[in-house]
Every structure is written in structure tokens, then in C-alpha cells.
């Protein structure tokens, strides 16, 4: 059963307390730990907030980094209300000095950090290569990609000194597939994948694992606040093999797993959390099989070639 948020109602999709505290005694820092307002009927929990809450439930002490302290304060109150430990750190992760100060304060509060989750991300400017504004492009790339380098730069020394740890970078299925209407967003998410693999190679022998999560069509406050209609939401749901809608809790569960010793032999991977959206199409046109009556068509649907093969 889900627990209470800052209001009276349980948080939608909340998986509740874990069966074991896999991260007890560890310290984590999560960027983008707040969640924006998404209207009275929208989701209240984004990827960063859900991740921070689950890490705390697993026993970690969590430093909540966000440019909007009011958003992150709600996350801190949820964690505190469940008996966890969290501190709030206001920071602009696109600014090098701001990142340095945030990590310094986390180290002062908790000591060595064993977990870093880079969850900050923005949609960025619209448009293709002809249309996109270059200055907006630079700013968005700094938020989506450079911020992860800046945070790692200041977290890694203490992490390595303490014997290792786990870094989880939030990418997107847009970094794995073409077709996104803008150029900036998928480009930045693809860059995160390259960044993740390179960092995994650089720091593996130092005991640091670096992995990425590629969320699919999850319904988060950022998505809801961008003019989401019921029709578009339904189309997004239908894009996956399972044809179900994901939430930030699904992403957070993957992050908690990758941060834990259960993933001790996993590094340099990109984990899609997408209900199978990147694995294939749930409906694929196929010619009828040249088989006798009662045989399956080319994609395994019964019907003996009586109708087009859609799965």
C-alpha cells in the first residue's frame, strides 16, 4: 500500500516500503529531486522525487539537489515523514561552482557519497537543425549533459576514496530511437549514453559502476505540464509492447536496483524502462503466410491466413 505524500492522499503508483533496506548506511545525492506542479489532476511525482524517496526507503541518506528549493522541500518532507533522512541543497547544476558547493555541503553532512543519480533534464528548445535557436541549444545541452559531468567531477574523488559506488544517469528512449520532433532532446539523451559508457570504462577499476536508464512513455509532471491531452496520452500508451503507462516509480525502482549491490556486476549498460517500446512494435503489418487452413500466420497469430497478421 502506498504511503502518504505531503497531502492527505496516497501518491499514485507508490509501491510502498521495500522488503529490505539494500542501501542502509550509504549516502546518495539526487539531482532534480523536486517535482513541478502539473495541475490538480496531474501526477505529483517526477523521476527525481520518486528516486530520492525510494533510495531513502532503502536506507540511504539523501541529498536533494534542485534549482527550485520549494519543489525539493516537498520531497524532503515526504522522506522525513516516513522516518528517512534527507537534506535540501539549492543548486543550478548547469553551473560548475554551484555543483561544487552542493557536493561540498553533501560531503559535510553525510561524509563520502556512494550514490549519484543524475536526474535533471529539460525538454529544451523545439525545432530541427534549421529551426533550433543556437543559444537555447547550448543552454539545454549544458543542463541535460554537462550537468552530469560537473556533478560526477565533484562526487567521484570521495566515492573512489571510499572504495567505489554507483552513478546512475537518466537518459531516454529518445536517445535510442529516431522520430522525436525536436533535435535537441534526443541528441542530449544520446550523448548521455555515450557519457555513461565512457565513464564506466574510466572508473570501473576504481570500483565505480556507471549505468544509464532510458525511460519510455512514463507519465510525469514534466510530461503533463507540456499540454498533454487524453488522446496523446493514449497514443503514448499504445507505443509499447505491454501497452501500459509507466510512472516515475518504475524509473526509481530501476535506479534503486542499479545503486544497490544486487547490480554489483553491472556497469556501462543502458537499461530501458519502457514496457518494451524499444524491443519492437506491438502491431506490425505482415503478409499472410502461405500455409494451409488452421496454421498460424507469419507472426504467430491464429487464423490460417484469413486476415492480415497484426500483433
Foldseek 3Di string as FASTA:
>chain_A
DADCFPDDDGAPPHPHADPAQQQAPAEEEFEPLFADDLDPPAHRDALNLLLQQRNQSSHYEYEYEYLDQVRNVSSQVRSVVVVGHYHYQHAQLLDLVRLLVSLVVSCVVRNAHQEYEYDFAAPWAFDEPVPGDPVSLVSRLSRLPVSLVSNCVNRVVSQLVVQEHEYEYEAACLCVDDDDRGDRRNVSSVVVLVVQLVVCVVCVVSHYAGEYEHEAQARGSNVSNPPDDPVNNQVSLQLALVSHHHYSNLSSVVSSCRRGCVCSPDHSYYHYSYNHNVVDGNWDWDQFDPDAQQAAGPVGHTGGRPDTDTD
